[in-house]
PDB file of N, CA and C in Angstrom:
ATOM      1  N   MET A   1      64.469  -5.497 -25.567  1.00  0.00           N
ATOM      2  CA  MET A   1      63.813  -5.480 -26.780  1.00  0.00           C
ATOM      3  C   MET A   1      64.756  -4.611 -27.789  1.00  0.00           C
ATOM      4  N   SER A   2      64.793  -5.181 -29.024  1.00  0.00           N
ATOM      5  CA  SER A   2      65.720  -4.546 -30.031  1.00  0.00           C
ATOM      6  C   SER A   2      65.164  -3.220 -30.423  1.00  0.00           C
ATOM      7  N   GLU A   3      66.155  -2.401 -30.996  1.00  0.00           N
ATOM      8  CA  GLU A   3      65.630  -1.088 -31.556  1.00  0.00           C
ATOM      9  C   GLU A   3      64.760  -1.295 -32.736  1.00  0.00           C
ATOM     10  N   GLU A   4      65.009  -2.304 -33.571  1.00  0.00           N
ATOM     11  CA  GLU A   4      64.135  -2.528 -34.732  1.00  0.00           C
ATOM     12  C   GLU A   4      62.669  -2.815 -34.198  1.00  0.00           C
ATOM     13  N   MET A   5      62.516  -3.662 -33.207  1.00  0.00           N
ATOM     14  CA  MET A   5      61.222  -3.998 -32.659  1.00  0.00           C
ATOM     15  C   MET A   5      60.547  -2.694 -32.109  1.00  0.00           C
ATOM     16  N   THR A   6      61.271  -1.922 -31.363  1.00  0.00           N
ATOM     17  CA  THR A   6      60.717  -0.655 -30.789  1.00  0.00           C
ATOM     18  C   THR A   6      60.273   0.219 -31.892  1.00  0.00           C
ATOM     19  N   ASP A   7      61.042   0.394 -32.937  1.00  0.00           N
ATOM     20  CA  ASP A   7      60.699   1.254 -34.108  1.00  0.00           C
ATOM     21  C   ASP A   7      59.489   0.706 -34.756  1.00  0.00           C
ATOM     22  N   LYS A   8      59.246  -0.534 -34.937  1.00  0.00           N
ATOM     23  CA  LYS A   8      58.080  -1.099 -35.511  1.00  0.00           C
ATOM     24  C   LYS A   8      56.838  -1.002 -34.659  1.00  0.00           C
ATOM     25  N   LEU A   9      56.969  -1.118 -33.349  1.00  0.00           N
ATOM     26  CA  LEU A   9      55.935  -0.841 -32.388  1.00  0.00           C
ATOM     27  C   LEU A   9      55.503   0.620 -32.492  1.00  0.00           C
ATOM     28  N   ILE A  10      56.422   1.477 -32.540  1.00  0.00           N
ATOM     29  CA  ILE A  10      56.097   2.948 -32.603  1.00  0.00           C
ATOM     30  C   ILE A  10      55.409   3.260 -33.897  1.00  0.00           C
ATOM     31  N   TRP A  11      55.882   2.583 -34.967  1.00  0.00           N
ATOM     32  CA  TRP A  11      55.225   2.902 -36.303  1.00  0.00           C
ATOM     33  C   TRP A  11      53.839   2.329 -36.292  1.00  0.00           C
ATOM     34  N   LEU A  12      53.585   1.145 -35.727  1.00  0.00           N
ATOM     35  CA  LEU A  12      52.253   0.540 -35.639  1.00  0.00           C
ATOM     36  C   LEU A  12      51.360   1.494 -34.834  1.00  0.00           C
ATOM     37  N   ASN A  13      51.829   1.933 -33.774  1.00  0.00           N
ATOM     38  CA  ASN A  13      51.002   2.828 -32.945  1.00  0.00           C
ATOM     39  C   ASN A  13      50.578   4.075 -33.698  1.00  0.00           C
ATOM     40  N   GLU A  14      51.547   4.597 -34.381  1.00  0.00           N
ATOM     41  CA  GLU A  14      51.256   5.833 -35.258  1.00  0.00           C
ATOM     42  C   GLU A  14      50.198   5.539 -36.323  1.00  0.00           C
ATOM     43  N   LEU A  15      50.340   4.381 -36.893  1.00  0.00           N
ATOM     44  CA  LEU A  15      49.377   3.961 -38.004  1.00  0.00           C
ATOM     45  C   LEU A  15      47.911   3.800 -37.330  1.00  0.00           C
ATOM     46  N   LYS A  16      47.924   3.195 -36.156  1.00  0.00           N
ATOM     47  CA  LYS A  16      46.597   3.071 -35.504  1.00  0.00           C
ATOM     48  C   LYS A  16      45.968   4.375 -35.216  1.00  0.00           C
ATOM     49  N   GLU A  17      46.831   5.316 -34.741  1.00  0.00           N
ATOM     50  CA  GLU A  17      46.269   6.701 -34.382  1.00  0.00           C
ATOM     51  C   GLU A  17      45.762   7.373 -35.699  1.00  0.00           C
ATOM     52  N   GLU A  18      46.486   7.323 -36.803  1.00  0.00           N
ATOM     53  CA  GLU A  18      46.145   7.901 -38.075  1.00  0.00           C
ATOM     54  C   GLU A  18      44.861   7.180 -38.561  1.00  0.00           C
ATOM     55  N   SER A  19      44.806   5.869 -38.442  1.00  0.00           N
ATOM     56  CA  SER A  19      43.597   5.231 -38.769  1.00  0.00           C
ATOM     57  C   SER A  19      42.311   5.651 -37.990  1.00  0.00           C
ATOM     58  N   LYS A  20      42.443   5.985 -36.770  1.00  0.00           N
ATOM     59  CA  LYS A  20      41.382   6.513 -35.975  1.00  0.00           C
ATOM     60  C   LYS A  20      40.959   7.787 -36.482  1.00  0.00           C
ATOM     61  N   LEU A  21      41.894   8.669 -36.783  1.00  0.00           N
ATOM     62  CA  LEU A  21      41.627  10.053 -37.320  1.00  0.00           C
ATOM     63  C   LEU A  21      40.943   9.915 -38.638  1.00  0.00           C
ATOM     64  N   LEU A  22      41.423   9.106 -39.513  1.00  0.00           N
ATOM     65  CA  LEU A  22      40.810   8.876 -40.877  1.00  0.00           C
ATOM     66  C   LEU A  22      39.390   8.316 -40.760  1.00  0.00           C
ATOM     67  N   LYS A  23      39.193   7.505 -39.782  1.00  0.00           N
ATOM     68  CA  LYS A  23      37.788   6.945 -39.553  1.00  0.00           C
ATOM     69  C   LYS A  23      36.861   8.038 -39.157  1.00  0.00           C
ATOM     70  N   LYS A  24      37.354   8.889 -38.263  1.00  0.00           N
ATOM     71  CA  LYS A  24      36.499  10.073 -37.951  1.00  0.00           C
ATOM     72  C   LYS A  24      36.112  10.965 -39.017  1.00  0.00           C
ATOM     73  N   LYS A  25      37.168  11.275 -39.869  1.00  0.00           N
ATOM     74  CA  LYS A  25      36.971  12.089 -41.078  1.00  0.00           C
ATOM     75  C   LYS A  25      35.928  11.382 -42.019  1.00  0.00           C
ATOM     76  N   MET A  26      36.121  10.145 -42.190  1.00  0.00           N
ATOM     77  CA  MET A  26      35.256   9.443 -43.172  1.00  0.00           C
ATOM     78  C   MET A  26      33.759   9.380 -42.581  1.00  0.00           C
ATOM     79  N   ASP A  27      33.659   9.224 -41.257  1.00  0.00           N
ATOM     80  CA  ASP A  27      32.306   9.242 -40.745  1.00  0.00           C
ATOM     81  C   ASP A  27      31.649  10.592 -40.882  1.00  0.00           C
ATOM     82  N   ALA A  28      32.442  11.697 -40.631  1.00  0.00           N
ATOM     83  CA  ALA A  28      31.849  13.025 -40.808  1.00  0.00           C
ATOM     84  C   ALA A  28      31.523  13.273 -42.260  1.00  0.00           C
ATOM     85  N   LEU A  29      32.359  12.916 -43.211  1.00  0.00           N
ATOM     86  CA  LEU A  29      31.981  13.063 -44.551  1.00  0.00           C
ATOM     87  C   LEU A  29      30.727  12.280 -45.048  1.00  0.00           C
ATOM     88  N   GLU A  30      30.728  11.130 -44.539  1.00  0.00           N
ATOM     89  CA  GLU A  30      29.504  10.230 -44.885  1.00  0.00           C
ATOM     90  C   GLU A  30      28.262  10.965 -44.279  1.00  0.00           C
ATOM     91  N   ARG A  31      28.242  11.478 -43.044  1.00  0.00           N
ATOM     92  CA  ARG A  31      27.198  12.114 -42.517  1.00  0.00           C
ATOM     93  C   ARG A  31      26.817  13.296 -43.404  1.00  0.00           C
ATOM     94  N   GLU A  32      27.774  14.133 -43.870  1.00  0.00           N
ATOM     95  CA  GLU A  32      27.532  15.239 -44.711  1.00  0.00           C
ATOM     96  C   GLU A  32      26.850  14.819 -46.008  1.00  0.00           C
ATOM     97  N   LEU A  33      27.333  13.712 -46.601  1.00  0.00           N
ATOM     98  CA  LEU A  33      26.736  13.240 -47.867  1.00  0.00           C
ATOM     99  C   LEU A  33      25.238  12.807 -47.562  1.00  0.00           C
ATOM    100  N   LEU A  34      25.010  12.115 -46.529  1.00  0.00           N
ATOM    101  CA  LEU A  34      23.669  11.685 -46.153  1.00  0.00           C
ATOM    102  C   LEU A  34      22.653  12.906 -45.957  1.00  0.00           C
ATOM    103  N   GLU A  35      23.185  13.844 -45.254  1.00  0.00           N
ATOM    104  CA  GLU A  35      22.409  15.142 -45.120  1.00  0.00           C
ATOM    105  C   GLU A  35      22.118  15.836 -46.452  1.00  0.00           C
ATOM    106  N   LEU A  36      23.075  15.795 -47.366  1.00  0.00           N
ATOM    107  CA  LEU A  36      22.866  16.485 -48.583  1.00  0.00           C
ATOM    108  C   LEU A  36      21.811  15.586 -49.421  1.00  0.00           C
ATOM    109  N   ALA A  37      21.913  14.272 -49.310  1.00  0.00           N
ATOM    110  CA  ALA A  37      20.856  13.448 -49.981  1.00  0.00           C
ATOM    111  C   ALA A  37      19.484  13.673 -49.416  1.00  0.00           C
ATOM    112  N   LYS A  38      19.374  13.861 -48.119  1.00  0.00           N
ATOM    113  CA  LYS A  38      18.087  14.223 -47.492  1.00  0.00           C
ATOM    114  C   LYS A  38      17.523  15.568 -47.987  1.00  0.00           C
ATOM    115  N   GLU A  39      18.464  16.500 -48.044  1.00  0.00           N
ATOM    116  CA  GLU A  39      18.101  17.924 -48.374  1.00  0.00           C
ATOM    117  C   GLU A  39      17.620  18.029 -49.859  1.00  0.00           C
ATOM    118  N   THR A  40      18.257  17.199 -50.721  1.00  0.00           N
ATOM    119  CA  THR A  40      17.930  17.265 -52.108  1.00  0.00           C
ATOM    120  C   THR A  40      16.819  16.230 -52.489  1.00  0.00           C
ATOM    121  N   GLU A  41      16.122  15.795 -51.474  1.00  0.00           N
ATOM    122  CA  GLU A  41      15.000  14.937 -51.663  1.00  0.00           C
ATOM    123  C   GLU A  41      15.292  13.671 -52.404  1.00  0.00           C
ATOM    124  N   LEU A  42      16.492  13.139 -52.181  1.00  0.00           N
ATOM    125  CA  LEU A  42      16.839  11.821 -52.645  1.00  0.00           C
ATOM    126  C   LEU A  42      16.259  10.744 -51.716  1.00  0.00           C
ATOM    127  N   ALA A  43      16.012  11.132 -50.489  1.00  0.00           N
ATOM    128  CA  ALA A  43      15.509  10.239 -49.407  1.00  0.00           C
ATOM    129  C   ALA A  43      14.042  10.183 -49.472  1.00  0.00           C
ATOM    130  N   PRO A  44      13.402   9.245 -48.935  1.00  0.00           N
ATOM    131  CA  PRO A  44      13.948   7.959 -48.418  1.00  0.00           C
ATOM    132  C   PRO A  44      14.075   6.998 -49.541  1.00  0.00           C
ATOM    133  N   ALA A  45      15.265   6.557 -49.736  1.00  0.00           N
ATOM    134  CA  ALA A  45      15.468   5.636 -50.914  1.00  0.00           C
ATOM    135  C   ALA A  45      16.963   5.191 -50.847  1.00  0.00           C
ATOM    136  N   VAL A  46      17.175   4.362 -51.810  1.00  0.00           N
ATOM    137  CA  VAL A  46      18.539   4.030 -52.120  1.00  0.00           C
ATOM    138  C   VAL A  46      18.841   4.774 -53.377  1.00  0.00           C
ATOM    139  N   SER A  47      19.590   5.843 -53.275  1.00  0.00           N
ATOM    140  CA  SER A  47      19.930   6.628 -54.421  1.00  0.00           C
ATOM    141  C   SER A  47      21.290   6.262 -54.956  1.00  0.00           C
ATOM    142  N   SER A  48      21.403   6.058 -56.287  1.00  0.00           N
ATOM    143  CA  SER A  48      22.568   5.654 -57.002  1.00  0.00           C
ATOM    144  C   SER A  48      23.132   6.803 -57.691  1.00  0.00           C
ATOM    145  N   CYS A  49      24.367   6.984 -57.570  1.00  0.00           N
ATOM    146  CA  CYS A  49      25.113   8.069 -58.148  1.00  0.00           C
ATOM    147  C   CYS A  49      26.374   7.528 -58.861  1.00  0.00           C
ATOM    148  N   ARG A  50      26.604   7.777 -60.179  1.00  0.00           N
ATOM    149  CA  ARG A  50      27.804   7.237 -60.808  1.00  0.00           C
ATOM    150  C   ARG A  50      28.813   8.500 -60.865  1.00  0.00           C
ATOM    151  N   PHE A  51      30.104   8.143 -60.751  1.00  0.00           N
ATOM    152  CA  PHE A  51      31.033   9.127 -60.881  1.00  0.00           C
ATOM    153  C   PHE A  51      32.411   8.565 -61.415  1.00  0.00           C
ATOM    154  N   ASP A  52      33.223   9.345 -62.019  1.00  0.00           N
ATOM    155  CA  ASP A  52      34.567   8.926 -62.451  1.00  0.00           C
ATOM    156  C   ASP A  52      35.665   9.590 -61.630  1.00  0.00           C
ATOM    157  N   TYR A  53      36.721   8.874 -61.389  1.00  0.00           N
ATOM    158  CA  TYR A  53      37.832   9.487 -60.563  1.00  0.00           C
ATOM    159  C   TYR A  53      39.105   8.670 -60.908  1.00  0.00           C
ATOM    160  N   GLY A  54      40.122   9.381 -61.319  1.00  0.00           N
ATOM    161  CA  GLY A  54      41.299   8.684 -61.609  1.00  0.00           C
ATOM    162  C   GLY A  54      41.345   7.696 -62.674  1.00  0.00           C
ATOM    163  N   GLY A  55      40.505   7.921 -63.660  1.00  0.00           N
ATOM    164  CA  GLY A  55      40.365   7.005 -64.773  1.00  0.00           C
ATOM    165  C   GLY A  55      39.559   5.772 -64.487  1.00  0.00           C
ATOM    166  N   ARG A  56      38.959   5.733 -63.333  1.00  0.00           N
ATOM    167  CA  ARG A  56      38.189   4.566 -62.940  1.00  0.00           C
ATOM    168  C   ARG A  56      36.715   4.994 -62.700  1.00  0.00           C
ATOM    169  N   HIS A  57      35.771   4.120 -62.827  1.00  0.00           N
ATOM    170  CA  HIS A  57      34.325   4.407 -62.667  1.00  0.00           C
ATOM    171  C   HIS A  57      33.748   3.811 -61.446  1.00  0.00           C
ATOM    172  N   PHE A  58      32.965   4.551 -60.742  1.00  0.00           N
ATOM    173  CA  PHE A  58      32.394   4.137 -59.471  1.00  0.00           C
ATOM    174  C   PHE A  58      30.855   4.406 -59.454  1.00  0.00           C
ATOM    175  N   GLU A  59      30.248   3.616 -58.593  1.00  0.00           N
ATOM    176  CA  GLU A  59      28.839   3.914 -58.334  1.00  0.00           C
ATOM    177  C   GLU A  59      28.662   3.950 -56.733  1.00  0.00           C
ATOM    178  N   ALA A  60      28.021   4.936 -56.352  1.00  0.00           N
ATOM    179  CA  ALA A  60      27.814   5.148 -54.904  1.00  0.00           C
ATOM    180  C   ALA A  60      26.298   5.011 -54.631  1.00  0.00           C
ATOM    181  N   ASN A  61      25.987   4.354 -53.507  1.00  0.00           N
ATOM    182  CA  ASN A  61      24.603   4.219 -53.095  1.00  0.00           C
ATOM    183  C   ASN A  61      24.391   4.966 -51.748  1.00  0.00           C
ATOM    184  N   LEU A  62      23.520   5.926 -51.689  1.00  0.00           N
ATOM    185  CA  LEU A  62      23.308   6.653 -50.481  1.00  0.00           C
ATOM    186  C   LEU A  62      21.986   6.091 -49.920  1.00  0.00           C
ATOM    187  N   ASN A  63      22.086   5.315 -48.865  1.00  0.00           N
ATOM    188  CA  ASN A  63      20.941   4.599 -48.286  1.00  0.00           C
ATOM    189  C   ASN A  63      20.362   5.307 -47.075  1.00  0.00           C
ATOM    190  N   THR A  64      19.219   5.943 -47.351  1.00  0.00           N
ATOM    191  CA  THR A  64      18.630   6.781 -46.308  1.00  0.00           C
ATOM    192  C   THR A  64      17.188   6.395 -46.047  1.00  0.00           C
ATOM    193  N   GLY A  65      16.688   6.620 -44.827  1.00  0.00           N
ATOM    194  CA  GLY A  65      15.251   6.501 -44.506  1.00  0.00           C
ATOM    195  C   GLY A  65      14.745   5.104 -44.647  1.00  0.00           C
ATOM    196  N   ARG A  66      15.567   4.070 -44.502  1.00  0.00           N
ATOM    197  CA  ARG A  66      15.009   2.701 -44.611  1.00  0.00           C
ATOM    198  C   ARG A  66      14.594   2.135 -43.266  1.00  0.00           C
ATOM    199  N   ILE A  67      13.707   1.226 -43.209  1.00  0.00           N
ATOM    200  CA  ILE A  67      13.207   0.550 -42.012  1.00  0.00           C
ATOM    201  C   ILE A  67      13.327  -0.930 -42.155  1.00  0.00           C
ATOM    202  N   ALA A  68      13.734  -1.516 -41.189  1.00  0.00           N
ATOM    203  CA  ALA A  68      13.928  -3.032 -41.222  1.00  0.00           C
ATOM    204  C   ALA A  68      12.856  -3.649 -40.331  1.00  0.00           C
ATOM    205  N   ASN A  69      12.261  -4.611 -40.848  1.00  0.00           N
ATOM    206  CA  ASN A  69      11.293  -5.414 -39.915  1.00  0.00           C
ATOM    207  C   ASN A  69      12.061  -6.721 -39.590  1.00  0.00           C
ATOM    208  N   ARG A  70      12.407  -6.861 -38.303  1.00  0.00           N
ATOM    209  CA  ARG A  70      13.324  -7.854 -37.910  1.00  0.00           C
ATOM    210  C   ARG A  70      12.448  -9.120 -37.344  1.00  0.00           C
ATOM    211  N   ALA A  71      11.114  -9.098 -37.685  1.00  0.00           N
ATOM    212  CA  ALA A  71      10.302 -10.090 -37.046  1.00  0.00           C
ATOM    213  C   ALA A  71      10.568 -11.457 -37.897  1.00  0.00           C
ATOM    214  N   PRO A  72      10.456 -12.638 -37.189  1.00  0.00           N
ATOM    215  CA  PRO A  72      10.576 -13.906 -37.918  1.00  0.00           C
ATOM    216  C   PRO A  72       9.283 -14.168 -38.759  1.00  0.00           C
ATOM    217  N   ASN A  73       9.211 -15.228 -39.442  1.00  0.00           N
ATOM    218  CA  ASN A  73       8.106 -15.523 -40.396  1.00  0.00           C
ATOM    219  C   ASN A  73       6.803 -15.299 -39.532  1.00  0.00           C
ATOM    220  N   GLN A  74       5.952 -14.480 -40.052  1.00  0.00           N
ATOM    221  CA  GLN A  74       4.681 -14.103 -39.366  1.00  0.00           C
ATOM    222  C   GLN A  74       3.865 -15.273 -39.066  1.00  0.00           C
ATOM    223  N   LYS A  75       3.671 -16.193 -40.011  1.00  0.00           N
ATOM    224  CA  LYS A  75       2.782 -17.327 -39.775  1.00  0.00           C
ATOM    225  C   LYS A  75       3.350 -18.190 -38.617  1.00  0.00           C
ATOM    226  N   THR A  76       4.616 -18.396 -38.493  1.00  0.00           N
ATOM    227  CA  THR A  76       5.277 -19.127 -37.440  1.00  0.00           C
ATOM    228  C   THR A  76       4.986 -18.468 -36.077  1.00  0.00           C
ATOM    229  N   VAL A  77       5.224 -17.202 -36.014  1.00  0.00           N
ATOM    230  CA  VAL A  77       4.946 -16.486 -34.741  1.00  0.00           C
ATOM    231  C   VAL A  77       3.487 -16.552 -34.359  1.00  0.00           C
ATOM    232  N   LEU A  78       2.558 -16.365 -35.321  1.00  0.00           N
ATOM    233  CA  LEU A  78       1.127 -16.481 -35.065  1.00  0.00           C
ATOM    234  C   LEU A  78       0.778 -17.834 -34.471  1.00  0.00           C
ATOM    235  N   ASN A  79       1.337 -18.886 -35.065  1.00  0.00           N
ATOM    236  CA  ASN A  79       1.092 -20.280 -34.478  1.00  0.00           C
ATOM    237  C   ASN A  79       1.637 -20.398 -33.066  1.00  0.00           C
ATOM    238  N   ILE A  80       2.746 -19.881 -32.835  1.00  0.00           N
ATOM    239  CA  ILE A  80       3.340 -19.987 -31.445  1.00  0.00           C
ATOM    240  C   ILE A  80       2.427 -19.263 -30.481  1.00  0.00           C
ATOM    241  N   ILE A  81       2.049 -18.041 -30.847  1.00  0.00           N
ATOM    242  CA  ILE A  81       1.157 -17.169 -30.010  1.00  0.00           C
ATOM    243  C   ILE A  81      -0.160 -17.946 -29.764  1.00  0.00           C
ATOM    244  N   ARG A  82      -0.749 -18.471 -30.775  1.00  0.00           N
ATOM    245  CA  ARG A  82      -2.033 -19.138 -30.650  1.00  0.00           C
ATOM    246  C   ARG A  82      -1.936 -20.354 -29.644  1.00  0.00           C
ATOM    247  N   ASN A  83      -0.834 -21.177 -29.737  1.00  0.00           N
ATOM    248  CA  ASN A  83      -0.629 -22.270 -28.893  1.00  0.00           C
ATOM    249  C   ASN A  83      -0.452 -21.850 -27.449  1.00  0.00           C
ATOM    250  N   LEU A  84      -0.010 -20.646 -27.196  1.00  0.00           N
ATOM    251  CA  LEU A  84       0.210 -20.215 -25.825  1.00  0.00           C
ATOM    252  C   LEU A  84      -1.082 -19.666 -25.221  1.00  0.00           C
ATOM    253  N   LEU A  85      -2.114 -19.422 -26.017  1.00  0.00           N
ATOM    254  CA  LEU A  85      -3.386 -18.885 -25.536  1.00  0.00           C
ATOM    255  C   LEU A  85      -4.125 -20.014 -24.864  1.00  0.00           C
ATOM    256  N   PRO A  86      -5.055 -19.603 -23.916  1.00  0.00           N
ATOM    257  CA  PRO A  86      -6.043 -20.590 -23.427  1.00  0.00           C
ATOM    258  C   PRO A  86      -6.810 -21.233 -24.539  1.00  0.00           C
ATOM    259  N   ILE A  87      -7.351 -22.333 -24.407  1.00  0.00           N
ATOM    260  CA  ILE A  87      -8.048 -23.148 -25.412  1.00  0.00           C
ATOM    261  C   ILE A  87      -9.085 -22.262 -26.016  1.00  0.00           C
ATOM    262  N   GLU A  88      -9.998 -21.638 -25.176  1.00  0.00           N
ATOM    263  CA  GLU A  88     -11.124 -20.965 -25.735  1.00  0.00           C
ATOM    264  C   GLU A  88     -10.791 -19.713 -26.485  1.00  0.00           C
ATOM    265  N   GLU A  89      -9.566 -19.208 -26.421  1.00  0.00           N
ATOM    266  CA  GLU A  89      -9.050 -17.992 -27.114  1.00  0.00           C
ATOM    267  C   GLU A  89      -8.087 -18.298 -28.322  1.00  0.00           C
ATOM    268  N   ARG A  90      -7.948 -19.634 -28.614  1.00  0.00           N
ATOM    269  CA  ARG A  90      -7.013 -19.965 -29.648  1.00  0.00           C
ATOM    270  C   ARG A  90      -7.563 -19.676 -31.104  1.00  0.00           C
ATOM    271  N   THR A  91      -7.634 -18.521 -31.407  1.00  0.00           N
ATOM    272  CA  THR A  91      -8.136 -18.139 -32.744  1.00  0.00           C
ATOM    273  C   THR A  91      -7.043 -17.306 -33.531  1.00  0.00           C
ATOM    274  N   GLU A  92      -7.119 -17.341 -34.790  1.00  0.00           N
ATOM    275  CA  GLU A  92      -6.158 -16.545 -35.564  1.00  0.00           C
ATOM    276  C   GLU A  92      -6.291 -15.068 -35.268  1.00  0.00           C
ATOM    277  N   ILE A  93      -7.534 -14.606 -35.127  1.00  0.00           N
ATOM    278  CA  ILE A  93      -7.731 -13.211 -34.896  1.00  0.00           C
ATOM    279  C   ILE A  93      -7.151 -12.773 -33.590  1.00  0.00           C
ATOM    280  N   MET A  94      -7.293 -13.596 -32.541  1.00  0.00           N
ATOM    281  CA  MET A  94      -6.673 -13.200 -31.246  1.00  0.00           C
ATOM    282  C   MET A  94      -5.171 -13.247 -31.307  1.00  0.00           C
ATOM    283  N   ALA A  95      -4.585 -14.171 -31.996  1.00  0.00           N
ATOM    284  CA  ALA A  95      -3.154 -14.311 -32.207  1.00  0.00           C
ATOM    285  C   ALA A  95      -2.602 -13.108 -32.941  1.00  0.00           C
ATOM    286  N   GLN A  96      -3.375 -12.692 -33.976  1.00  0.00           N
ATOM    287  CA  GLN A  96      -2.996 -11.519 -34.808  1.00  0.00           C
ATOM    288  C   GLN A  96      -3.022 -10.271 -33.940  1.00  0.00           C
ATOM    289  N   LYS A  97      -3.992 -10.126 -33.082  1.00  0.00           N
ATOM    290  CA  LYS A  97      -4.124  -8.906 -32.255  1.00  0.00           C
ATOM    291  C   LYS A  97      -2.860  -8.827 -31.348  1.00  0.00           C
ATOM    292  N   ILE A  98      -2.520  -9.940 -30.793  1.00  0.00           N
ATOM    293  CA  ILE A  98      -1.387  -9.936 -29.788  1.00  0.00           C
ATOM    294  C   ILE A  98      -0.082  -9.672 -30.617  1.00  0.00           C
ATOM    295  N   TYR A  99       0.040 -10.338 -31.755  1.00  0.00           N
ATOM    296  CA  TYR A  99       1.182 -10.031 -32.648  1.00  0.00           C
ATOM    297  C   TYR A  99       1.352  -8.629 -32.958  1.00  0.00           C
ATOM    298  N   ASP A 100       0.240  -7.989 -33.435  1.00  0.00           N
ATOM    299  CA  ASP A 100       0.294  -6.568 -33.821  1.00  0.00           C
ATOM    300  C   ASP A 100       0.653  -5.710 -32.625  1.00  0.00           C
ATOM    301  N   SER A 101       0.266  -5.999 -31.458  1.00  0.00           N
ATOM    302  CA  SER A 101       0.556  -5.131 -30.276  1.00  0.00           C
ATOM    303  C   SER A 101       2.050  -5.282 -29.913  1.00  0.00           C
ATOM    304  N   HIS A 102       2.750  -6.283 -30.306  1.00  0.00           N
ATOM    305  CA  HIS A 102       4.164  -6.523 -29.878  1.00  0.00           C
ATOM    306  C   HIS A 102       5.195  -6.192 -31.060  1.00  0.00           C
ATOM    307  N   ARG A 103       4.705  -5.952 -32.250  1.00  0.00           N
ATOM    308  CA  ARG A 103       5.509  -5.720 -33.331  1.00  0.00           C
ATOM    309  C   ARG A 103       5.979  -4.294 -33.531  1.00  0.00           C
ATOM    310  N   GLU A 104       7.187  -4.099 -33.810  1.00  0.00           N
ATOM    311  CA  GLU A 104       7.684  -2.687 -34.059  1.00  0.00           C
ATOM    312  C   GLU A 104       8.731  -2.735 -35.125  1.00  0.00           C
ATOM    313  N   ASP A 105       8.780  -1.612 -35.899  1.00  0.00           N
ATOM    314  CA  ASP A 105       9.822  -1.488 -36.949  1.00  0.00           C
ATOM    315  C   ASP A 105      10.925  -0.779 -36.421  1.00  0.00           C
ATOM    316  N   LYS A 106      12.204  -1.084 -36.843  1.00  0.00           N
ATOM    317  CA  LYS A 106      13.388  -0.559 -36.294  1.00  0.00           C
ATOM    318  C   LYS A 106      14.045   0.180 -37.515  1.00  0.00           C
ATOM    319  N   PRO A 107      14.394   1.446 -37.365  1.00  0.00           N
ATOM    320  CA  PRO A 107      15.056   2.181 -38.430  1.00  0.00           C
ATOM    321  C   PRO A 107      16.451   1.522 -38.714  1.00  0.00           C
ATOM    322  N   ILE A 108      16.873   1.536 -39.922  1.00  0.00           N
ATOM    323  CA  ILE A 108      18.216   1.073 -40.431  1.00  0.00           C
ATOM    324  C   ILE A 108      19.064   2.280 -40.514  1.00  0.00           C
ATOM    325  N   VAL A 109      20.286   2.099 -40.035  1.00  0.00           N
ATOM    326  CA  VAL A 109      21.284   3.112 -40.064  1.00  0.00           C
ATOM    327  C   VAL A 109      21.508   3.618 -41.444  1.00  0.00           C
ATOM    328  N   ASP A 110      21.493   4.908 -41.804  1.00  0.00           N
ATOM    329  CA  ASP A 110      21.811   5.457 -43.063  1.00  0.00           C
ATOM    330  C   ASP A 110      23.258   5.119 -43.375  1.00  0.00           C
ATOM    331  N   SER A 111      23.549   4.914 -44.645  1.00  0.00           N
ATOM    332  CA  SER A 111      24.869   4.608 -45.098  1.00  0.00           C
ATOM    333  C   SER A 111      25.230   5.046 -46.460  1.00  0.00           C
ATOM    334  N   VAL A 112      26.470   5.049 -46.732  1.00  0.00           N
ATOM    335  CA  VAL A 112      26.962   5.327 -48.132  1.00  0.00           C
ATOM    336  C   VAL A 112      27.926   4.218 -48.523  1.00  0.00           C
ATOM    337  N   THR A 113      27.669   3.680 -49.735  1.00  0.00           N
ATOM    338  CA  THR A 113      28.586   2.550 -50.145  1.00  0.00           C
ATOM    339  C   THR A 113      29.086   2.985 -51.488  1.00  0.00           C
ATOM    340  N   ILE A 114      30.371   2.677 -51.808  1.00  0.00           N
ATOM    341  CA  ILE A 114      30.897   3.023 -53.120  1.00  0.00           C
ATOM    342  C   ILE A 114      31.601   1.766 -53.597  1.00  0.00           C
ATOM    343  N   ARG A 115      31.305   1.494 -54.951  1.00  0.00           N
ATOM    344  CA  ARG A 115      32.022   0.355 -55.498  1.00  0.00           C
ATOM    345  C   ARG A 115      32.404   0.700 -56.937  1.00  0.00           C
ATOM    346  N   GLU A 116      33.551   0.127 -57.383  1.00  0.00           N
ATOM    347  CA  GLU A 116      34.070   0.305 -58.752  1.00  0.00           C
ATOM    348  C   GLU A 116      33.106  -0.444 -59.738  1.00  0.00           C
ATOM    349  N   VAL A 117      32.769   0.166 -60.851  1.00  0.00           N
ATOM    350  CA  VAL A 117      31.954  -0.423 -61.847  1.00  0.00           C
ATOM    351  C   VAL A 117      32.669  -0.472 -63.179  1.00  0.00           C
ATOM    352  N   THR A 118      32.174  -1.184 -64.083  1.00  0.00           N
ATOM    353  CA  THR A 118      32.770  -1.130 -65.466  1.00  0.00           C
ATOM    354  C   THR A 118      32.474   0.168 -66.133  1.00  0.00           C
ATOM    355  N   PRO A 119      33.411   0.630 -66.826  1.00  0.00           N
ATOM    356  CA  PRO A 119      33.112   1.918 -67.554  1.00  0.00           C
ATOM    357  C   PRO A 119      31.926   1.849 -68.523  1.00  0.00           C
ATOM    358  N   PRO A 120      31.276   2.948 -68.761  1.00  0.00           N
ATOM    359  CA  PRO A 120      30.116   3.075 -69.541  1.00  0.00           C
ATOM    360  C   PRO A 120      30.588   2.765 -71.035  1.00  0.00           C
ATOM    361  N   VAL A 121      29.748   2.250 -71.775  1.00  0.00           N
ATOM    362  CA  VAL A 121      30.100   2.026 -73.228  1.00  0.00           C
ATOM    363  C   VAL A 121      29.781   3.305 -74.012  1.00  0.00           C
ATOM    364  N   THR A 122      30.754   3.796 -74.622  1.00  0.00           N
ATOM    365  CA  THR A 122      30.617   5.040 -75.442  1.00  0.00           C
ATOM    366  C   THR A 122      30.549   4.698 -76.917  1.00  0.00           C
ATOM    367  N   GLU A 123      29.562   5.269 -77.600  1.00  0.00           N
ATOM    368  CA  GLU A 123      29.434   4.997 -79.029  1.00  0.00           C
ATOM    369  C   GLU A 123      30.218   6.148 -79.688  1.00  0.00           C
ATOM    370  N   GLU A 124      31.033   5.744 -80.713  1.00  0.00           N
ATOM    371  CA  GLU A 124      31.791   6.728 -81.487  1.00  0.00           C
ATOM    372  C   GLU A 124      31.217   6.875 -82.865  1.00  0.00           C
TER     373      GLU A 124
END
C-alpha cells in the first residue's frame, strides 16, 4: 500500500472519530435545548424560535411532548375486525370495543430542527 493511501486512510479514520465526538456533543446540546423548552413551558408543542447568526437568519423548531397514532385507517381496521368475529357478534359496536382495547399511542421522540429562512423585512 502506498504512503499516500495510508495517509488518506488515517485521515479518514480521524474524521470518523471527530464526527462521532461531534454527534455526541450535538445530541447533548439538543437534549439541553429540549429540557429548557420543557422548563420554560414551551412544551408540549412545536415551538418556533427565530434567530440571526453570521448575517444569516434561522428558524428553530423545538418539538416536544408529541404523540403519534400509528394506526391505519380506523374504518378499515374496524371492518377487518368485524369480519373476523363470529356471525352473531359482527356489529360495529363489538368491533369498536376490540379496536379500542388494542390501540395505543406511541410518544414521538423530541427533536430540534433548524433551517435558514429569508431575512425579515425591515421598514425604514
